[in-house]
PDB file of N, CA and C in Angstrom:
ATOM      1  N   UNK A   1     -20.371 -17.877 -16.127  1.00  0.00           N
ATOM      2  CA  UNK A   1     -21.566 -16.849 -17.198  1.00  0.00           C
ATOM      3  C   UNK A   1     -21.101 -15.533 -16.548  1.00  0.00           C
ATOM      4  N   UNK A   2     -20.347 -14.183 -17.012  1.00  0.00           N
ATOM      5  CA  UNK A   2     -20.828 -12.267 -16.130  1.00  0.00           C
ATOM      6  C   UNK A   2     -22.583 -11.936 -16.603  1.00  0.00           C
ATOM      7  N   UNK A   3     -22.806 -11.410 -15.750  1.00  0.00           N
ATOM      8  CA  UNK A   3     -24.172 -11.219 -15.871  1.00  0.00           C
ATOM      9  C   UNK A   3     -23.595  -9.778 -15.213  1.00  0.00           C
ATOM     10  N   UNK A   4     -24.674  -9.380 -16.797  1.00  0.00           N
ATOM     11  CA  UNK A   4     -25.030  -7.597 -17.565  1.00  0.00           C
ATOM     12  C   UNK A   4     -24.986  -6.640 -15.926  1.00  0.00           C
ATOM     13  N   UNK A   5     -25.691  -7.389 -15.983  1.00  0.00           N
ATOM     14  CA  UNK A   5     -27.080  -6.143 -14.635  1.00  0.00           C
ATOM     15  C   UNK A   5     -26.001  -6.622 -13.583  1.00  0.00           C
ATOM     16  N   UNK A   6     -24.983  -7.799 -12.965  1.00  0.00           N
ATOM     17  CA  UNK A   6     -24.666  -8.024 -11.962  1.00  0.00           C
ATOM     18  C   UNK A   6     -23.987  -6.817 -11.485  1.00  0.00           C
ATOM     19  N   UNK A   7     -23.073  -6.919 -13.202  1.00  0.00           N
ATOM     20  CA  UNK A   7     -21.969  -6.284 -13.046  1.00  0.00           C
ATOM     21  C   UNK A   7     -22.320  -5.006 -13.067  1.00  0.00           C
ATOM     22  N   UNK A   8     -23.333  -4.382 -13.407  1.00  0.00           N
ATOM     23  CA  UNK A   8     -23.681  -2.757 -13.301  1.00  0.00           C
ATOM     24  C   UNK A   8     -23.961  -2.510 -11.422  1.00  0.00           C
ATOM     25  N   UNK A   9     -24.920  -3.355 -11.008  1.00  0.00           N
ATOM     26  CA  UNK A   9     -25.045  -3.350  -9.970  1.00  0.00           C
ATOM     27  C   UNK A   9     -24.243  -2.974  -9.485  1.00  0.00           C
ATOM     28  N   UNK A  10     -22.517  -3.919  -9.240  1.00  0.00           N
ATOM     29  CA  UNK A  10     -21.388  -3.349  -8.931  1.00  0.00           C
ATOM     30  C   UNK A  10     -20.863  -2.242  -8.990  1.00  0.00           C
ATOM     31  N   UNK A  11     -20.685  -1.851 -10.129  1.00  0.00           N
ATOM     32  CA  UNK A  11     -19.965  -0.322 -10.267  1.00  0.00           C
ATOM     33  C   UNK A  11     -20.689   0.015  -9.696  1.00  0.00           C
ATOM     34  N   UNK A  12     -22.140   0.404  -9.446  1.00  0.00           N
ATOM     35  CA  UNK A  12     -23.052   1.791  -9.087  1.00  0.00           C
ATOM     36  C   UNK A  12     -22.484   1.779  -7.497  1.00  0.00           C
ATOM     37  N   UNK A  13     -22.796   0.173  -7.064  1.00  0.00           N
ATOM     38  CA  UNK A  13     -22.461  -0.302  -5.914  1.00  0.00           C
ATOM     39  C   UNK A  13     -20.632   0.809  -5.286  1.00  0.00           C
ATOM     40  N   UNK A  14     -20.136   0.446  -5.745  1.00  0.00           N
ATOM     41  CA  UNK A  14     -18.535   0.214  -5.730  1.00  0.00           C
ATOM     42  C   UNK A  14     -18.568   2.377  -5.663  1.00  0.00           C
ATOM     43  N   UNK A  15     -19.044   2.535  -6.824  1.00  0.00           N
ATOM     44  CA  UNK A  15     -19.204   3.550  -7.047  1.00  0.00           C
ATOM     45  C   UNK A  15     -20.284   4.737  -5.721  1.00  0.00           C
ATOM     46  N   UNK A  16     -20.737   4.397  -5.776  1.00  0.00           N
ATOM     47  CA  UNK A  16     -21.167   5.170  -4.461  1.00  0.00           C
ATOM     48  C   UNK A  16     -20.010   4.882  -3.920  1.00  0.00           C
ATOM     49  N   UNK A  17     -19.774   4.101  -3.032  1.00  0.00           N
ATOM     50  CA  UNK A  17     -19.384   3.594  -1.639  1.00  0.00           C
ATOM     51  C   UNK A  17     -17.813   4.157  -1.783  1.00  0.00           C
ATOM     52  N   UNK A  18     -17.825   4.718  -2.792  1.00  0.00           N
ATOM     53  CA  UNK A  18     -15.778   5.962  -2.516  1.00  0.00           C
ATOM     54  C   UNK A  18     -16.817   6.864  -2.959  1.00  0.00           C
ATOM     55  N   UNK A  19     -17.817   7.796  -2.969  1.00  0.00           N
ATOM     56  CA  UNK A  19     -17.898   9.260  -3.255  1.00  0.00           C
ATOM     57  C   UNK A  19     -18.461   9.366  -4.384  1.00  0.00           C
ATOM     58  N   UNK A  20     -18.271   9.133  -5.151  1.00  0.00           N
ATOM     59  CA  UNK A  20     -18.120   9.481  -6.926  1.00  0.00           C
ATOM     60  C   UNK A  20     -19.261   9.040  -7.942  1.00  0.00           C
ATOM     61  N   UNK A  21     -19.090  10.721  -8.399  1.00  0.00           N
ATOM     62  CA  UNK A  21     -20.298  10.491  -9.371  1.00  0.00           C
ATOM     63  C   UNK A  21     -20.331   9.543 -10.485  1.00  0.00           C
ATOM     64  N   UNK A  22     -21.362   9.552 -11.315  1.00  0.00           N
ATOM     65  CA  UNK A  22     -21.112   8.827 -12.909  1.00  0.00           C
ATOM     66  C   UNK A  22     -20.232   9.791 -13.924  1.00  0.00           C
ATOM     67  N   UNK A  23     -20.119  10.999 -13.442  1.00  0.00           N
ATOM     68  CA  UNK A  23     -20.027  12.062 -14.148  1.00  0.00           C
ATOM     69  C   UNK A  23     -18.303  12.089 -13.924  1.00  0.00           C
ATOM     70  N   UNK A  24     -17.907  11.875 -12.354  1.00  0.00           N
ATOM     71  CA  UNK A  24     -16.548  11.726 -11.583  1.00  0.00           C
ATOM     72  C   UNK A  24     -15.987  10.400 -12.418  1.00  0.00           C
ATOM     73  N   UNK A  25     -16.228   9.312 -12.577  1.00  0.00           N
ATOM     74  CA  UNK A  25     -15.857   8.056 -13.399  1.00  0.00           C
ATOM     75  C   UNK A  25     -15.874   8.399 -14.146  1.00  0.00           C
ATOM     76  N   UNK A  26     -17.251   8.976 -15.933  1.00  0.00           N
ATOM     77  CA  UNK A  26     -16.515   9.419 -17.093  1.00  0.00           C
ATOM     78  C   UNK A  26     -16.063  10.171 -16.902  1.00  0.00           C
ATOM     79  N   UNK A  27     -15.081  10.756 -16.876  1.00  0.00           N
ATOM     80  CA  UNK A  27     -13.970  12.132 -17.342  1.00  0.00           C
ATOM     81  C   UNK A  27     -12.610  11.211 -16.608  1.00  0.00           C
ATOM     82  N   UNK A  28     -12.362  10.885 -15.066  1.00  0.00           N
ATOM     83  CA  UNK A  28     -11.880   9.966 -15.028  1.00  0.00           C
ATOM     84  C   UNK A  28     -10.683   8.845 -16.062  1.00  0.00           C
ATOM     85  N   UNK A  29     -12.299   8.342 -16.495  1.00  0.00           N
ATOM     86  CA  UNK A  29     -11.557   7.326 -17.586  1.00  0.00           C
ATOM     87  C   UNK A  29     -12.000   7.580 -19.327  1.00  0.00           C
ATOM     88  N   UNK A  30     -12.798   8.672 -19.637  1.00  0.00           N
ATOM     89  CA  UNK A  30     -12.519   9.233 -20.580  1.00  0.00           C
ATOM     90  C   UNK A  30     -14.106   8.544 -22.148  1.00  0.00           C
ATOM     91  N   UNK A  31     -14.875   8.235 -21.178  1.00  0.00           N
ATOM     92  CA  UNK A  31     -16.538   8.155 -21.293  1.00  0.00           C
ATOM     93  C   UNK A  31     -16.971   9.143 -20.722  1.00  0.00           C
ATOM     94  N   UNK A  32     -18.948   9.067 -22.057  1.00  0.00           N
ATOM     95  CA  UNK A  32     -19.632   9.691 -20.830  1.00  0.00           C
ATOM     96  C   UNK A  32     -20.184   9.459 -20.217  1.00  0.00           C
ATOM     97  N   UNK A  33     -21.322  10.459 -18.843  1.00  0.00           N
ATOM     98  CA  UNK A  33     -21.938   9.989 -18.301  1.00  0.00           C
ATOM     99  C   UNK A  33     -22.893   8.539 -18.292  1.00  0.00           C
ATOM    100  N   UNK A  34     -23.427   9.295 -19.635  1.00  0.00           N
ATOM    101  CA  UNK A  34     -24.407   8.337 -20.681  1.00  0.00           C
ATOM    102  C   UNK A  34     -23.573   6.856 -20.125  1.00  0.00           C
ATOM    103  N   UNK A  35     -22.216   6.934 -20.801  1.00  0.00           N
ATOM    104  CA  UNK A  35     -21.972   4.992 -20.881  1.00  0.00           C
ATOM    105  C   UNK A  35     -22.264   4.629 -19.339  1.00  0.00           C
ATOM    106  N   UNK A  36     -21.810   5.492 -18.432  1.00  0.00           N
ATOM    107  CA  UNK A  36     -21.544   5.156 -16.924  1.00  0.00           C
ATOM    108  C   UNK A  36     -22.198   4.336 -16.627  1.00  0.00           C
ATOM    109  N   UNK A  37     -23.991   5.327 -17.232  1.00  0.00           N
ATOM    110  CA  UNK A  37     -25.161   5.466 -16.738  1.00  0.00           C
ATOM    111  C   UNK A  37     -25.709   3.455 -17.188  1.00  0.00           C
ATOM    112  N   UNK A  38     -25.588   3.939 -18.702  1.00  0.00           N
ATOM    113  CA  UNK A  38     -25.796   2.797 -19.526  1.00  0.00           C
ATOM    114  C   UNK A  38     -25.100   1.316 -18.509  1.00  0.00           C
ATOM    115  N   UNK A  39     -23.643   1.371 -18.286  1.00  0.00           N
ATOM    116  CA  UNK A  39     -23.130   0.347 -17.246  1.00  0.00           C
ATOM    117  C   UNK A  39     -23.682  -0.643 -16.176  1.00  0.00           C
ATOM    118  N   UNK A  40     -24.203   0.600 -15.325  1.00  0.00           N
ATOM    119  CA  UNK A  40     -25.150   0.865 -14.327  1.00  0.00           C
ATOM    120  C   UNK A  40     -26.239   0.307 -14.032  1.00  0.00           C
ATOM    121  N   UNK A  41     -26.863   0.334 -14.971  1.00  0.00           N
ATOM    122  CA  UNK A  41     -28.394   0.193 -15.686  1.00  0.00           C
ATOM    123  C   UNK A  41     -28.481  -1.698 -16.603  1.00  0.00           C
ATOM    124  N   UNK A  42     -26.968  -1.634 -16.223  1.00  0.00           N
ATOM    125  CA  UNK A  42     -27.495  -3.185 -17.231  1.00  0.00           C
ATOM    126  C   UNK A  42     -27.436  -3.415 -18.746  1.00  0.00           C
ATOM    127  N   UNK A  43     -27.071  -1.752 -19.314  1.00  0.00           N
ATOM    128  CA  UNK A  43     -27.962  -2.258 -20.680  1.00  0.00           C
ATOM    129  C   UNK A  43     -27.163  -2.070 -21.515  1.00  0.00           C
ATOM    130  N   UNK A  44     -25.124  -1.513 -20.743  1.00  0.00           N
ATOM    131  CA  UNK A  44     -23.823  -1.951 -21.828  1.00  0.00           C
ATOM    132  C   UNK A  44     -23.429  -2.518 -20.502  1.00  0.00           C
ATOM    133  N   UNK A  45     -21.975  -2.892 -21.111  1.00  0.00           N
ATOM    134  CA  UNK A  45     -20.980  -3.229 -20.547  1.00  0.00           C
ATOM    135  C   UNK A  45     -19.482  -2.392 -20.708  1.00  0.00           C
ATOM    136  N   UNK A  46     -18.339  -2.167 -19.892  1.00  0.00           N
ATOM    137  CA  UNK A  46     -17.767  -1.580 -20.166  1.00  0.00           C
ATOM    138  C   UNK A  46     -16.492  -2.194 -21.204  1.00  0.00           C
ATOM    139  N   UNK A  47     -16.612  -1.382 -21.910  1.00  0.00           N
ATOM    140  CA  UNK A  47     -14.988  -2.191 -22.872  1.00  0.00           C
ATOM    141  C   UNK A  47     -13.798  -2.236 -22.235  1.00  0.00           C
ATOM    142  N   UNK A  48     -13.599  -3.452 -22.573  1.00  0.00           N
ATOM    143  CA  UNK A  48     -12.048  -3.937 -22.286  1.00  0.00           C
ATOM    144  C   UNK A  48     -10.807  -3.348 -21.875  1.00  0.00           C
ATOM    145  N   UNK A  49     -11.296  -2.281 -22.424  1.00  0.00           N
ATOM    146  CA  UNK A  49      -9.280  -0.857 -22.266  1.00  0.00           C
ATOM    147  C   UNK A  49     -10.123   0.271 -21.446  1.00  0.00           C
ATOM    148  N   UNK A  50     -10.960  -0.159 -20.970  1.00  0.00           N
ATOM    149  CA  UNK A  50     -12.130   0.716 -19.525  1.00  0.00           C
ATOM    150  C   UNK A  50     -11.731   0.218 -18.347  1.00  0.00           C
ATOM    151  N   UNK A  51     -11.606  -1.092 -18.658  1.00  0.00           N
ATOM    152  CA  UNK A  51     -11.931  -2.172 -17.321  1.00  0.00           C
ATOM    153  C   UNK A  51     -10.655  -2.115 -16.103  1.00  0.00           C
ATOM    154  N   UNK A  52      -9.238  -1.906 -16.675  1.00  0.00           N
ATOM    155  CA  UNK A  52      -7.722  -1.484 -15.722  1.00  0.00           C
ATOM    156  C   UNK A  52      -8.608  -0.293 -15.317  1.00  0.00           C
ATOM    157  N   UNK A  53      -8.587   0.825 -15.704  1.00  0.00           N
ATOM    158  CA  UNK A  53      -8.642   1.498 -14.935  1.00  0.00           C
ATOM    159  C   UNK A  53      -9.784   2.212 -14.061  1.00  0.00           C
ATOM    160  N   UNK A  54     -11.696   1.293 -14.407  1.00  0.00           N
ATOM    161  CA  UNK A  54     -12.642   1.030 -13.964  1.00  0.00           C
ATOM    162  C   UNK A  54     -11.578   1.093 -12.333  1.00  0.00           C
ATOM    163  N   UNK A  55     -11.176  -0.583 -12.544  1.00  0.00           N
ATOM    164  CA  UNK A  55     -11.027  -1.242 -11.334  1.00  0.00           C
ATOM    165  C   UNK A  55     -10.513  -0.940 -10.542  1.00  0.00           C
ATOM    166  N   UNK A  56      -9.268   0.222 -11.085  1.00  0.00           N
ATOM    167  CA  UNK A  56      -8.418   1.065  -9.777  1.00  0.00           C
ATOM    168  C   UNK A  56      -9.160   1.869  -9.399  1.00  0.00           C
ATOM    169  N   UNK A  57      -9.944   3.103  -9.577  1.00  0.00           N
ATOM    170  CA  UNK A  57     -10.551   4.033  -9.574  1.00  0.00           C
ATOM    171  C   UNK A  57     -11.553   2.972  -8.939  1.00  0.00           C
ATOM    172  N   UNK A  58     -12.406   2.027  -8.535  1.00  0.00           N
ATOM    173  CA  UNK A  58     -13.226   1.584  -7.552  1.00  0.00           C
ATOM    174  C   UNK A  58     -12.915   0.501  -6.327  1.00  0.00           C
ATOM    175  N   UNK A  59     -11.913  -0.004  -7.035  1.00  0.00           N
ATOM    176  CA  UNK A  59     -10.560  -0.016  -5.923  1.00  0.00           C
ATOM    177  C   UNK A  59     -11.004  -1.716  -5.764  1.00  0.00           C
ATOM    178  N   UNK A  60     -11.104  -2.216  -6.606  1.00  0.00           N
ATOM    179  CA  UNK A  60     -10.993  -3.739  -6.430  1.00  0.00           C
ATOM    180  C   UNK A  60     -10.670  -4.193  -7.439  1.00  0.00           C
ATOM    181  N   UNK A  61     -10.200  -5.507  -7.503  1.00  0.00           N
ATOM    182  CA  UNK A  61      -9.194  -5.801  -9.057  1.00  0.00           C
ATOM    183  C   UNK A  61     -10.635  -6.827  -9.926  1.00  0.00           C
ATOM    184  N   UNK A  62     -10.408  -6.810 -11.647  1.00  0.00           N
ATOM    185  CA  UNK A  62     -10.883  -6.946 -12.667  1.00  0.00           C
ATOM    186  C   UNK A  62     -11.583  -8.074 -12.422  1.00  0.00           C
ATOM    187  N   UNK A  63     -11.231  -9.509 -11.859  1.00  0.00           N
ATOM    188  CA  UNK A  63     -11.850 -10.763 -12.296  1.00  0.00           C
ATOM    189  C   UNK A  63     -12.838 -10.016 -10.624  1.00  0.00           C
ATOM    190  N   UNK A  64     -12.378  -9.393  -8.989  1.00  0.00           N
ATOM    191  CA  UNK A  64     -14.057  -9.312  -8.263  1.00  0.00           C
ATOM    192  C   UNK A  64     -14.740  -8.830  -9.248  1.00  0.00           C
ATOM    193  N   UNK A  65     -14.700  -7.111 -10.186  1.00  0.00           N
ATOM    194  CA  UNK A  65     -15.400  -6.744 -10.209  1.00  0.00           C
ATOM    195  C   UNK A  65     -16.349  -7.171 -11.713  1.00  0.00           C
ATOM    196  N   UNK A  66     -15.914  -8.165 -12.043  1.00  0.00           N
ATOM    197  CA  UNK A  66     -16.480  -8.853 -13.348  1.00  0.00           C
ATOM    198  C   UNK A  66     -17.634 -10.076 -12.557  1.00  0.00           C
ATOM    199  N   UNK A  67     -16.997 -10.764 -11.859  1.00  0.00           N
ATOM    200  CA  UNK A  67     -17.979 -12.058 -10.995  1.00  0.00           C
ATOM    201  C   UNK A  67     -18.002 -11.775  -9.335  1.00  0.00           C
ATOM    202  N   UNK A  68     -16.894 -11.164  -8.982  1.00  0.00           N
ATOM    203  CA  UNK A  68     -17.836 -10.399  -7.677  1.00  0.00           C
ATOM    204  C   UNK A  68     -17.819 -11.515  -6.903  1.00  0.00           C
ATOM    205  N   UNK A  69     -17.001 -11.688  -5.679  1.00  0.00           N
ATOM    206  CA  UNK A  69     -16.987 -12.158  -4.434  1.00  0.00           C
ATOM    207  C   UNK A  69     -18.011 -12.651  -3.982  1.00  0.00           C
ATOM    208  N   UNK A  70     -18.634 -13.068  -3.121  1.00  0.00           N
ATOM    209  CA  UNK A  70     -19.620 -13.946  -2.215  1.00  0.00           C
ATOM    210  C   UNK A  70     -20.140 -12.520  -1.656  1.00  0.00           C
ATOM    211  N   UNK A  71     -19.559 -12.033  -0.863  1.00  0.00           N
ATOM    212  CA  UNK A  71     -20.147 -10.947  -0.163  1.00  0.00           C
ATOM    213  C   UNK A  71     -20.429  -9.373  -1.360  1.00  0.00           C
ATOM    214  N   UNK A  72     -19.546  -9.582  -2.018  1.00  0.00           N
ATOM    215  CA  UNK A  72     -20.204  -8.229  -2.741  1.00  0.00           C
ATOM    216  C   UNK A  72     -22.139  -9.081  -3.401  1.00  0.00           C
ATOM    217  N   UNK A  73     -21.481  -9.877  -4.258  1.00  0.00           N
ATOM    218  CA  UNK A  73     -22.785 -11.079  -4.581  1.00  0.00           C
ATOM    219  C   UNK A  73     -23.924 -10.245  -3.503  1.00  0.00           C
ATOM    220  N   UNK A  74     -23.664 -11.006  -2.349  1.00  0.00           N
ATOM    221  CA  UNK A  74     -24.853 -10.186  -0.988  1.00  0.00           C
ATOM    222  C   UNK A  74     -25.312  -8.845  -1.052  1.00  0.00           C
ATOM    223  N   UNK A  75     -24.113  -7.434  -1.408  1.00  0.00           N
ATOM    224  CA  UNK A  75     -24.451  -7.042  -1.132  1.00  0.00           C
ATOM    225  C   UNK A  75     -24.720  -6.191  -2.344  1.00  0.00           C
ATOM    226  N   UNK A  76     -24.780  -6.585  -3.906  1.00  0.00           N
ATOM    227  CA  UNK A  76     -25.303  -5.964  -5.272  1.00  0.00           C
ATOM    228  C   UNK A  76     -26.728  -6.652  -5.451  1.00  0.00           C
ATOM    229  N   UNK A  77     -26.960  -8.147  -4.680  1.00  0.00           N
ATOM    230  CA  UNK A  77     -29.023  -7.832  -4.080  1.00  0.00           C
ATOM    231  C   UNK A  77     -29.419  -7.567  -2.997  1.00  0.00           C
ATOM    232  N   UNK A  78     -28.486  -6.210  -2.069  1.00  0.00           N
ATOM    233  CA  UNK A  78     -29.749  -6.067  -1.313  1.00  0.00           C
ATOM    234  C   UNK A  78     -29.588  -4.572  -2.257  1.00  0.00           C
ATOM    235  N   UNK A  79     -28.466  -3.637  -2.975  1.00  0.00           N
ATOM    236  CA  UNK A  79     -28.494  -2.869  -3.477  1.00  0.00           C
ATOM    237  C   UNK A  79     -29.914  -2.966  -4.795  1.00  0.00           C
ATOM    238  N   UNK A  80     -29.679  -3.830  -5.228  1.00  0.00           N
ATOM    239  CA  UNK A  80     -30.930  -4.029  -6.569  1.00  0.00           C
ATOM    240  C   UNK A  80     -32.064  -4.328  -6.558  1.00  0.00           C
ATOM    241  N   UNK A  81     -32.251  -4.950  -4.893  1.00  0.00           N
ATOM    242  CA  UNK A  81     -32.986  -4.872  -4.636  1.00  0.00           C
ATOM    243  C   UNK A  81     -34.192  -3.822  -3.813  1.00  0.00           C
ATOM    244  N   UNK A  82     -33.251  -2.323  -3.630  1.00  0.00           N
ATOM    245  CA  UNK A  82     -33.668  -1.219  -3.106  1.00  0.00           C
ATOM    246  C   UNK A  82     -33.965  -0.717  -4.225  1.00  0.00           C
ATOM    247  N   UNK A  83     -33.220  -0.691  -5.115  1.00  0.00           N
ATOM    248  CA  UNK A  83     -33.372  -0.163  -6.093  1.00  0.00           C
ATOM    249  C   UNK A  83     -34.345  -0.058  -7.415  1.00  0.00           C
ATOM    250  N   UNK A  84     -35.451  -0.820  -7.259  1.00  0.00           N
ATOM    251  CA  UNK A  84     -36.349  -1.424  -7.675  1.00  0.00           C
ATOM    252  C   UNK A  84     -37.932  -0.764  -7.878  1.00  0.00           C
TER     253      UNK A  84
END
C-alpha cells in the first residue's frame, strides 16, 4: 500500500534535490503551488494525469516515486524526522 505521507516526503525531498520551488513544479505541471504543498504534507496525492510529468521533473520513475526504493525510503525517513 502506498503511504500518502511517504509519497509527499519523497516529492519534497526530490524537489529540493533538484533545486526547484513548489511554484516552479506547479507552473510546469499546471497546478497551484498550494496543490504541491498539500502533496508534500501528505494531505493529498497528485492526480494520475500529473504523475508522468511530475516523475519526469523529479528525475525518477513513476513506480519509484510512488513506492520508493530502499535508499529513497531511508532518505525520506531522515527528511521526515527532521521536518517534525
